[in-house]
Amino acid sequence: MESTSFMQLAIDLAIENVKQGKGGPFGAVVVKEGKIVGQAANSVTSTNDPTAHAEVNAIRQACAHLKTFDLSGCELYASCEPCPMCLAAIYWARIDKVYVSATKYDAAEVGFDDAFIYEEFALPKENRKVLQVPLLVQEGKAPFKAWKQKTDKIPY
């Protein structure tokens, strides 16, 4: 298959998802060495999971299929420009390249606007709508101490 076929599949997944009413109008395909290793649509509303975006679902499927958390060497085809959460997941998964079809502005026109998240991230923590309140600060360092001392850890 070629790039346009993978992107068309992502778009088709998004359209079918809308028709079936399983979630938002988004689809994603993960490809490694010319083969599909993960494909999914958005399932936020059908799973009651706000993290179940198409890209995250496809990444999860690809990781399970390849039995790794490192998707280096993979490409992701997204029917729409990824939101901040999905973009972070793409970086954490170490995906090499992302192809996008629709833009975040196209998504915003139909009610999927993530501009407020970018605006919140730019604010000082104390001015954000979701406050981060320090609690048990010293105790919170214990897991990192345990990690540092662990000799058989799998770094990621």
N, C-alpha and C. Protein backbone atom coordinates (compact mmCIF):
# COMPACT_ATOMS: atom_id res chain seq x y z
N MET A 1 0.85 -1.19 0.00
CA MET A 1 0.00 0.00 0.00
C MET A 1 0.89 1.24 0.00
N GLU A 2 0.35 2.33 -0.47
CA GLU A 2 1.10 3.57 -0.44
C GLU A 2 0.46 4.54 0.55
N SER A 3 1.15 5.65 0.79
CA SER A 3 0.72 6.61 1.80
C SER A 3 -0.72 7.06 1.65
N THR A 4 -1.13 7.34 0.42
CA THR A 4 -2.50 7.81 0.23
C THR A 4 -3.52 6.75 0.63
N SER A 5 -3.19 5.49 0.46
CA SER A 5 -4.11 4.41 0.85
C SER A 5 -4.24 4.33 2.37
N PHE A 6 -3.13 4.53 3.08
CA PHE A 6 -3.19 4.51 4.55
C PHE A 6 -4.01 5.69 5.06
N MET A 7 -3.83 6.86 4.43
CA MET A 7 -4.59 8.03 4.85
C MET A 7 -6.07 7.85 4.53
N GLN A 8 -6.37 7.28 3.37
CA GLN A 8 -7.77 7.04 3.03
C GLN A 8 -8.42 6.09 4.03
N LEU A 9 -7.66 5.10 4.50
CA LEU A 9 -8.18 4.18 5.51
C LEU A 9 -8.50 4.94 6.80
N ALA A 10 -7.61 5.83 7.21
CA ALA A 10 -7.86 6.63 8.42
C ALA A 10 -9.13 7.47 8.25
N ILE A 11 -9.30 8.06 7.09
CA ILE A 11 -10.49 8.86 6.81
C ILE A 11 -11.74 7.97 6.81
N ASP A 12 -11.64 6.81 6.18
CA ASP A 12 -12.77 5.87 6.14
C ASP A 12 -13.15 5.40 7.54
N LEU A 13 -12.15 5.15 8.38
CA LEU A 13 -12.43 4.76 9.77
C LEU A 13 -13.20 5.86 10.49
N ALA A 14 -12.83 7.10 10.25
CA ALA A 14 -13.50 8.24 10.87
C ALA A 14 -14.96 8.34 10.40
N ILE A 15 -15.16 8.21 9.11
CA ILE A 15 -16.52 8.30 8.55
C ILE A 15 -17.40 7.16 9.08
N GLU A 16 -16.87 5.95 9.07
CA GLU A 16 -17.63 4.80 9.57
C GLU A 16 -17.95 4.97 11.06
N ASN A 17 -17.03 5.55 11.80
CA ASN A 17 -17.25 5.79 13.23
C ASN A 17 -18.42 6.74 13.45
N VAL A 18 -18.51 7.76 12.62
CA VAL A 18 -19.63 8.70 12.70
C VAL A 18 -20.93 7.97 12.40
N LYS A 19 -20.93 7.17 11.35
CA LYS A 19 -22.14 6.43 10.97
C LYS A 19 -22.61 5.48 12.06
N GLN A 20 -21.65 4.83 12.73
CA GLN A 20 -22.00 3.87 13.78
C GLN A 20 -22.25 4.53 15.14
N GLY A 21 -21.94 5.80 15.26
CA GLY A 21 -22.19 6.53 16.50
C GLY A 21 -21.32 6.08 17.67
N LYS A 22 -20.10 5.63 17.37
CA LYS A 22 -19.22 5.12 18.43
C LYS A 22 -18.30 6.18 19.03
N GLY A 23 -18.23 7.33 18.39
CA GLY A 23 -17.35 8.39 18.89
C GLY A 23 -17.21 9.49 17.87
N GLY A 24 -16.21 10.33 18.07
CA GLY A 24 -15.99 11.47 17.20
C GLY A 24 -15.48 11.09 15.82
N PRO A 25 -15.43 12.07 14.92
CA PRO A 25 -15.07 11.84 13.52
C PRO A 25 -13.57 11.78 13.28
N PHE A 26 -12.92 10.83 13.92
CA PHE A 26 -11.46 10.74 13.82
C PHE A 26 -11.04 9.28 13.63
N GLY A 27 -10.04 9.08 12.76
CA GLY A 27 -9.48 7.75 12.54
C GLY A 27 -7.97 7.85 12.45
N ALA A 28 -7.29 6.76 12.77
CA ALA A 28 -5.82 6.75 12.73
C ALA A 28 -5.32 5.36 12.37
N VAL A 29 -4.18 5.34 11.69
CA VAL A 29 -3.55 4.10 11.25
C VAL A 29 -2.06 4.18 11.56
N VAL A 30 -1.51 3.14 12.19
CA VAL A 30 -0.08 3.06 12.45
C VAL A 30 0.52 2.04 11.49
N VAL A 31 1.60 2.44 10.84
CA VAL A 31 2.24 1.61 9.81
C VAL A 31 3.71 1.43 10.14
N LYS A 32 4.19 0.20 9.98
CA LYS A 32 5.61 -0.10 10.12
C LYS A 32 6.06 -0.90 8.91
N GLU A 33 7.08 -0.41 8.26
CA GLU A 33 7.65 -1.09 7.10
C GLU A 33 6.58 -1.44 6.06
N GLY A 34 5.67 -0.49 5.84
CA GLY A 34 4.64 -0.68 4.82
C GLY A 34 3.46 -1.54 5.22
N LYS A 35 3.42 -2.00 6.48
CA LYS A 35 2.32 -2.85 6.94
C LYS A 35 1.57 -2.17 8.09
N ILE A 36 0.27 -2.32 8.08
CA ILE A 36 -0.56 -1.76 9.14
C ILE A 36 -0.37 -2.59 10.41
N VAL A 37 -0.01 -1.92 11.50
CA VAL A 37 0.17 -2.61 12.78
C VAL A 37 -0.86 -2.14 13.82
N GLY A 38 -1.61 -1.10 13.47
CA GLY A 38 -2.66 -0.61 14.35
C GLY A 38 -3.59 0.30 13.58
N GLN A 39 -4.86 0.20 13.85
CA GLN A 39 -5.83 1.10 13.23
C GLN A 39 -7.02 1.23 14.16
N ALA A 40 -7.53 2.45 14.27
CA ALA A 40 -8.63 2.66 15.21
C ALA A 40 -9.34 3.97 14.90
N ALA A 41 -10.52 4.08 15.49
CA ALA A 41 -11.29 5.31 15.43
C ALA A 41 -11.45 5.82 16.86
N ASN A 42 -11.97 7.00 16.98
CA ASN A 42 -12.26 7.60 18.27
C ASN A 42 -13.39 6.81 18.93
N SER A 43 -13.23 6.51 20.22
CA SER A 43 -14.28 5.78 20.94
C SER A 43 -14.57 6.41 22.29
N VAL A 44 -14.42 7.72 22.38
CA VAL A 44 -14.63 8.43 23.63
C VAL A 44 -16.02 8.19 24.19
N THR A 45 -17.04 8.39 23.37
CA THR A 45 -18.41 8.31 23.90
C THR A 45 -18.90 6.88 24.10
N SER A 46 -18.42 5.95 23.30
CA SER A 46 -18.89 4.57 23.45
C SER A 46 -18.18 3.83 24.57
N THR A 47 -17.02 4.31 24.98
CA THR A 47 -16.27 3.66 26.07
C THR A 47 -16.24 4.51 27.34
N ASN A 48 -16.80 5.70 27.25
CA ASN A 48 -16.75 6.64 28.38
C ASN A 48 -15.31 6.87 28.84
N ASP A 49 -14.42 7.00 27.87
CA ASP A 49 -13.00 7.19 28.14
C ASP A 49 -12.52 8.42 27.37
N PRO A 50 -12.27 9.53 28.07
CA PRO A 50 -11.85 10.75 27.38
C PRO A 50 -10.48 10.65 26.71
N THR A 51 -9.73 9.59 27.00
CA THR A 51 -8.43 9.41 26.34
C THR A 51 -8.52 8.50 25.12
N ALA A 52 -9.69 8.02 24.79
CA ALA A 52 -9.85 7.05 23.70
C ALA A 52 -9.95 7.74 22.33
N HIS A 53 -9.01 8.62 22.07
CA HIS A 53 -8.93 9.26 20.76
C HIS A 53 -8.38 8.25 19.76
N ALA A 54 -8.63 8.48 18.49
CA ALA A 54 -8.22 7.55 17.45
C ALA A 54 -6.72 7.27 17.50
N GLU A 55 -5.93 8.31 17.63
CA GLU A 55 -4.48 8.13 17.63
C GLU A 55 -4.02 7.30 18.82
N VAL A 56 -4.55 7.58 20.00
CA VAL A 56 -4.19 6.81 21.20
C VAL A 56 -4.63 5.36 21.05
N ASN A 57 -5.84 5.15 20.55
CA ASN A 57 -6.33 3.79 20.35
C ASN A 57 -5.46 3.03 19.35
N ALA A 58 -5.07 3.69 18.26
CA ALA A 58 -4.22 3.03 17.25
C ALA A 58 -2.83 2.75 17.81
N ILE A 59 -2.30 3.67 18.61
CA ILE A 59 -0.99 3.45 19.25
C ILE A 59 -1.07 2.26 20.19
N ARG A 60 -2.11 2.18 20.99
CA ARG A 60 -2.28 1.05 21.91
C ARG A 60 -2.34 -0.26 21.14
N GLN A 61 -3.09 -0.26 20.04
CA GLN A 61 -3.21 -1.47 19.24
C GLN A 61 -1.87 -1.86 18.62
N ALA A 62 -1.14 -0.88 18.11
CA ALA A 62 0.17 -1.15 17.49
C ALA A 62 1.15 -1.69 18.53
N CYS A 63 1.16 -1.11 19.70
CA CYS A 63 2.05 -1.58 20.77
C CYS A 63 1.72 -3.02 21.16
N ALA A 64 0.44 -3.33 21.27
CA ALA A 64 0.04 -4.69 21.61
C ALA A 64 0.44 -5.65 20.49
N HIS A 65 0.22 -5.24 19.26
CA HIS A 65 0.55 -6.10 18.11
C HIS A 65 2.05 -6.36 18.02
N LEU A 66 2.85 -5.29 18.21
CA LEU A 66 4.31 -5.41 18.10
C LEU A 66 4.98 -5.85 19.40
N LYS A 67 4.20 -5.89 20.48
CA LYS A 67 4.70 -6.27 21.81
C LYS A 67 5.87 -5.37 22.25
N THR A 68 5.65 -4.07 22.12
CA THR A 68 6.64 -3.08 22.53
C THR A 68 5.95 -1.75 22.82
N PHE A 69 6.60 -0.95 23.64
CA PHE A 69 6.09 0.41 23.89
C PHE A 69 6.82 1.42 23.02
N ASP A 70 7.79 0.98 22.25
CA ASP A 70 8.62 1.84 21.41
C ASP A 70 8.24 1.64 19.94
N LEU A 71 7.56 2.61 19.37
CA LEU A 71 7.13 2.51 17.98
C LEU A 71 8.07 3.24 17.02
N SER A 72 9.36 3.28 17.37
CA SER A 72 10.34 3.81 16.43
C SER A 72 10.24 3.03 15.14
N GLY A 73 10.38 3.74 14.02
CA GLY A 73 10.26 3.09 12.73
C GLY A 73 8.84 3.06 12.21
N CYS A 74 7.90 3.58 13.00
CA CYS A 74 6.50 3.60 12.58
C CYS A 74 6.09 5.00 12.13
N GLU A 75 5.05 5.01 11.31
CA GLU A 75 4.41 6.24 10.88
C GLU A 75 2.95 6.18 11.30
N LEU A 76 2.37 7.35 11.56
CA LEU A 76 0.96 7.41 11.93
C LEU A 76 0.23 8.27 10.91
N TYR A 77 -0.90 7.77 10.45
CA TYR A 77 -1.76 8.50 9.52
C TYR A 77 -3.01 8.89 10.31
N ALA A 78 -3.24 10.19 10.45
CA ALA A 78 -4.37 10.68 11.23
C ALA A 78 -5.32 11.45 10.33
N SER A 79 -6.60 11.16 10.45
CA SER A 79 -7.59 11.84 9.62
C SER A 79 -7.64 13.33 9.93
N CYS A 80 -7.13 13.71 11.11
CA CYS A 80 -7.10 15.11 11.50
C CYS A 80 -5.84 15.37 12.32
N GLU A 81 -5.39 16.58 12.28
CA GLU A 81 -4.23 17.00 13.07
C GLU A 81 -4.43 16.61 14.54
N PRO A 82 -3.47 15.94 15.15
CA PRO A 82 -3.64 15.46 16.52
C PRO A 82 -3.80 16.58 17.55
N CYS A 83 -4.61 16.30 18.56
CA CYS A 83 -4.78 17.21 19.69
C CYS A 83 -3.53 17.16 20.56
N PRO A 84 -3.42 18.02 21.57
CA PRO A 84 -2.22 18.00 22.42
C PRO A 84 -1.97 16.66 23.11
N MET A 85 -3.03 15.99 23.58
CA MET A 85 -2.85 14.69 24.24
C MET A 85 -2.30 13.66 23.26
N CYS A 86 -2.88 13.61 22.08
CA CYS A 86 -2.44 12.64 21.07
C CYS A 86 -1.03 12.94 20.59
N LEU A 87 -0.73 14.21 20.43
CA LEU A 87 0.61 14.59 20.01
C LEU A 87 1.64 14.15 21.06
N ALA A 88 1.31 14.32 22.33
CA ALA A 88 2.20 13.86 23.40
C ALA A 88 2.35 12.34 23.34
N ALA A 89 1.26 11.62 23.11
CA ALA A 89 1.32 10.15 23.01
C ALA A 89 2.21 9.74 21.84
N ILE A 90 2.13 10.47 20.74
CA ILE A 90 2.95 10.18 19.56
C ILE A 90 4.43 10.34 19.92
N TYR A 91 4.76 11.39 20.64
CA TYR A 91 6.14 11.59 21.07
C TYR A 91 6.59 10.49 22.03
N TRP A 92 5.73 10.16 23.02
CA TRP A 92 6.08 9.10 23.98
C TRP A 92 6.28 7.77 23.28
N ALA A 93 5.51 7.51 22.23
CA ALA A 93 5.63 6.24 21.49
C ALA A 93 6.82 6.24 20.52
N ARG A 94 7.42 7.40 20.33
CA ARG A 94 8.59 7.55 19.44
C ARG A 94 8.26 7.28 17.97
N ILE A 95 7.07 7.63 17.58
CA ILE A 95 6.68 7.49 16.17
C ILE A 95 7.50 8.47 15.34
N ASP A 96 7.99 7.99 14.19
CA ASP A 96 8.90 8.79 13.37
C ASP A 96 8.24 9.93 12.61
N LYS A 97 7.04 9.70 12.09
CA LYS A 97 6.41 10.69 11.23
C LYS A 97 4.90 10.58 11.34
N VAL A 98 4.23 11.72 11.24
CA VAL A 98 2.77 11.77 11.28
C VAL A 98 2.27 12.46 10.02
N TYR A 99 1.36 11.79 9.34
CA TYR A 99 0.68 12.38 8.19
C TYR A 99 -0.71 12.79 8.67
N VAL A 100 -1.15 13.98 8.28
CA VAL A 100 -2.47 14.47 8.69
C VAL A 100 -3.26 14.90 7.47
N SER A 101 -4.57 14.79 7.59
CA SER A 101 -5.45 15.22 6.52
C SER A 101 -6.10 16.54 6.91
N ALA A 102 -7.15 16.51 7.68
CA ALA A 102 -7.82 17.74 8.12
C ALA A 102 -6.97 18.46 9.18
N THR A 103 -7.23 19.74 9.35
CA THR A 103 -6.49 20.54 10.33
C THR A 103 -7.29 20.70 11.61
N LYS A 104 -6.62 21.21 12.64
CA LYS A 104 -7.32 21.48 13.91
C LYS A 104 -8.38 22.56 13.72
N TYR A 105 -8.22 23.41 12.71
CA TYR A 105 -9.22 24.43 12.43
C TYR A 105 -10.47 23.81 11.80
N ASP A 106 -10.27 22.79 10.97
CA ASP A 106 -11.42 22.06 10.42
C ASP A 106 -12.21 21.41 11.56
N ALA A 107 -11.49 20.82 12.51
CA ALA A 107 -12.13 20.18 13.66
C ALA A 107 -12.87 21.20 14.52
N ALA A 108 -12.26 22.36 14.71
CA ALA A 108 -12.88 23.40 15.53
C ALA A 108 -14.20 23.88 14.94
N GLU A 109 -14.28 23.89 13.62
CA GLU A 109 -15.51 24.34 12.96
C GLU A 109 -16.72 23.48 13.29
N VAL A 110 -16.48 22.22 13.69
CA VAL A 110 -17.61 21.34 14.03
C VAL A 110 -17.63 21.00 15.53
N GLY A 111 -16.95 21.82 16.33
CA GLY A 111 -17.05 21.68 17.78
C GLY A 111 -15.92 20.97 18.48
N PHE A 112 -14.88 20.57 17.76
CA PHE A 112 -13.74 19.90 18.38
C PHE A 112 -12.56 20.87 18.43
N ASP A 113 -12.63 21.81 19.36
CA ASP A 113 -11.64 22.88 19.44
C ASP A 113 -10.76 22.66 20.65
N ASP A 114 -9.46 22.45 20.42
CA ASP A 114 -8.53 22.24 21.53
C ASP A 114 -7.67 23.46 21.81
N ALA A 115 -8.04 24.61 21.24
CA ALA A 115 -7.26 25.83 21.46
C ALA A 115 -7.18 26.19 22.94
N PHE A 116 -8.25 25.91 23.70
CA PHE A 116 -8.26 26.24 25.12
C PHE A 116 -7.17 25.49 25.88
N ILE A 117 -6.82 24.29 25.42
CA ILE A 117 -5.77 23.52 26.10
C ILE A 117 -4.42 24.19 25.88
N TYR A 118 -4.14 24.58 24.65
CA TYR A 118 -2.89 25.29 24.37
C TYR A 118 -2.82 26.58 25.18
N GLU A 119 -3.95 27.29 25.29
CA GLU A 119 -3.99 28.54 26.07
C GLU A 119 -3.73 28.27 27.54
N GLU A 120 -4.32 27.20 28.07
CA GLU A 120 -4.10 26.84 29.48
C GLU A 120 -2.63 26.49 29.75
N PHE A 121 -2.02 25.72 28.85
CA PHE A 121 -0.62 25.33 29.03
C PHE A 121 0.30 26.54 29.07
N ALA A 122 -0.08 27.61 28.38
CA ALA A 122 0.76 28.81 28.33
C ALA A 122 0.65 29.64 29.62
N LEU A 123 -0.37 29.39 30.42
CA LEU A 123 -0.57 30.15 31.65
C LEU A 123 0.31 29.62 32.78
N PRO A 124 0.67 30.48 33.74
CA PRO A 124 1.32 29.97 34.95
C PRO A 124 0.37 28.99 35.66
N LYS A 125 0.94 27.99 36.31
CA LYS A 125 0.10 26.95 36.95
C LYS A 125 -0.98 27.55 37.85
N GLU A 126 -0.64 28.60 38.58
CA GLU A 126 -1.61 29.17 39.52
C GLU A 126 -2.77 29.88 38.83
N ASN A 127 -2.68 30.13 37.54
CA ASN A 127 -3.76 30.81 36.81
C ASN A 127 -4.59 29.87 35.95
N ARG A 128 -4.31 28.59 36.00
CA ARG A 128 -5.04 27.63 35.18
C ARG A 128 -6.37 27.26 35.83
N LYS A 129 -7.32 26.80 35.02
CA LYS A 129 -8.63 26.40 35.52
C LYS A 129 -8.55 25.18 36.41
N VAL A 130 -7.64 24.25 36.07
CA VAL A 130 -7.43 23.07 36.91
C VAL A 130 -6.17 23.34 37.74
N LEU A 131 -6.38 23.54 39.02
CA LEU A 131 -5.25 23.86 39.90
C LEU A 131 -4.45 22.61 40.26
N GLN A 132 -3.16 22.78 40.36
CA GLN A 132 -2.28 21.73 40.85
C GLN A 132 -1.85 22.14 42.25
N VAL A 133 -2.25 21.33 43.24
CA VAL A 133 -2.01 21.66 44.64
C VAL A 133 -0.97 20.70 45.20
N PRO A 134 0.18 21.21 45.64
CA PRO A 134 1.20 20.33 46.22
C PRO A 134 0.68 19.67 47.51
N LEU A 135 0.98 18.37 47.65
CA LEU A 135 0.54 17.62 48.83
C LEU A 135 1.49 16.46 49.03
N LEU A 136 1.96 16.25 50.25
CA LEU A 136 2.92 15.19 50.58
C LEU A 136 4.14 15.23 49.64
N VAL A 137 4.71 16.41 49.53
CA VAL A 137 5.80 16.66 48.59
C VAL A 137 7.01 15.78 48.87
N GLN A 138 7.42 15.65 50.10
CA GLN A 138 8.59 14.82 50.43
C GLN A 138 8.31 13.34 50.17
N GLU A 139 7.11 12.89 50.56
CA GLU A 139 6.74 11.49 50.35
C GLU A 139 6.65 11.15 48.86
N GLY A 140 6.31 12.13 48.06
CA GLY A 140 6.18 11.94 46.63
C GLY A 140 7.50 11.65 45.93
N LYS A 141 8.59 11.88 46.61
CA LYS A 141 9.92 11.61 46.03
C LYS A 141 10.33 10.15 46.20
N ALA A 142 9.64 9.42 47.08
CA ALA A 142 9.99 8.03 47.36
C ALA A 142 9.93 7.12 46.12
N PRO A 143 8.90 7.23 45.26
CA PRO A 143 8.89 6.37 44.08
C PRO A 143 10.10 6.61 43.16
N PHE A 144 10.55 7.84 43.06
CA PHE A 144 11.71 8.14 42.22
C PHE A 144 13.00 7.59 42.83
N LYS A 145 13.08 7.62 44.14
CA LYS A 145 14.23 7.02 44.82
C LYS A 145 14.26 5.51 44.57
N ALA A 146 13.08 4.88 44.67
CA ALA A 146 12.98 3.44 44.41
C ALA A 146 13.39 3.13 42.97
N TRP A 147 12.95 3.95 42.03
CA TRP A 147 13.29 3.74 40.62
C TRP A 147 14.79 3.88 40.41
N LYS A 148 15.37 4.90 41.02
CA LYS A 148 16.81 5.14 40.86
C LYS A 148 17.62 3.97 41.39
N GLN A 149 17.15 3.34 42.45
CA GLN A 149 17.88 2.24 43.06
C GLN A 149 17.62 0.89 42.38
N LYS A 150 16.59 0.79 41.60
CA LYS A 150 16.23 -0.47 40.94
C LYS A 150 17.31 -0.82 39.89
N THR A 151 17.84 -2.02 39.99
CA THR A 151 18.92 -2.42 39.08
C THR A 151 18.41 -3.11 37.81
N ASP A 152 17.19 -3.61 37.83
CA ASP A 152 16.69 -4.34 36.67
C ASP A 152 15.55 -3.59 35.96
N LYS A 153 15.56 -2.27 36.03
CA LYS A 153 14.50 -1.49 35.41
C LYS A 153 14.62 -1.49 33.88
N ILE A 154 13.50 -1.30 33.24
CA ILE A 154 13.45 -1.16 31.78
C ILE A 154 13.25 0.33 31.49
N PRO A 155 14.31 1.00 31.07
CA PRO A 155 14.18 2.43 30.81
C PRO A 155 13.28 2.72 29.61
N TYR A 156 12.63 3.84 29.66
CA TYR A 156 11.79 4.25 28.52
C TYR A 156 11.74 5.73 28.36
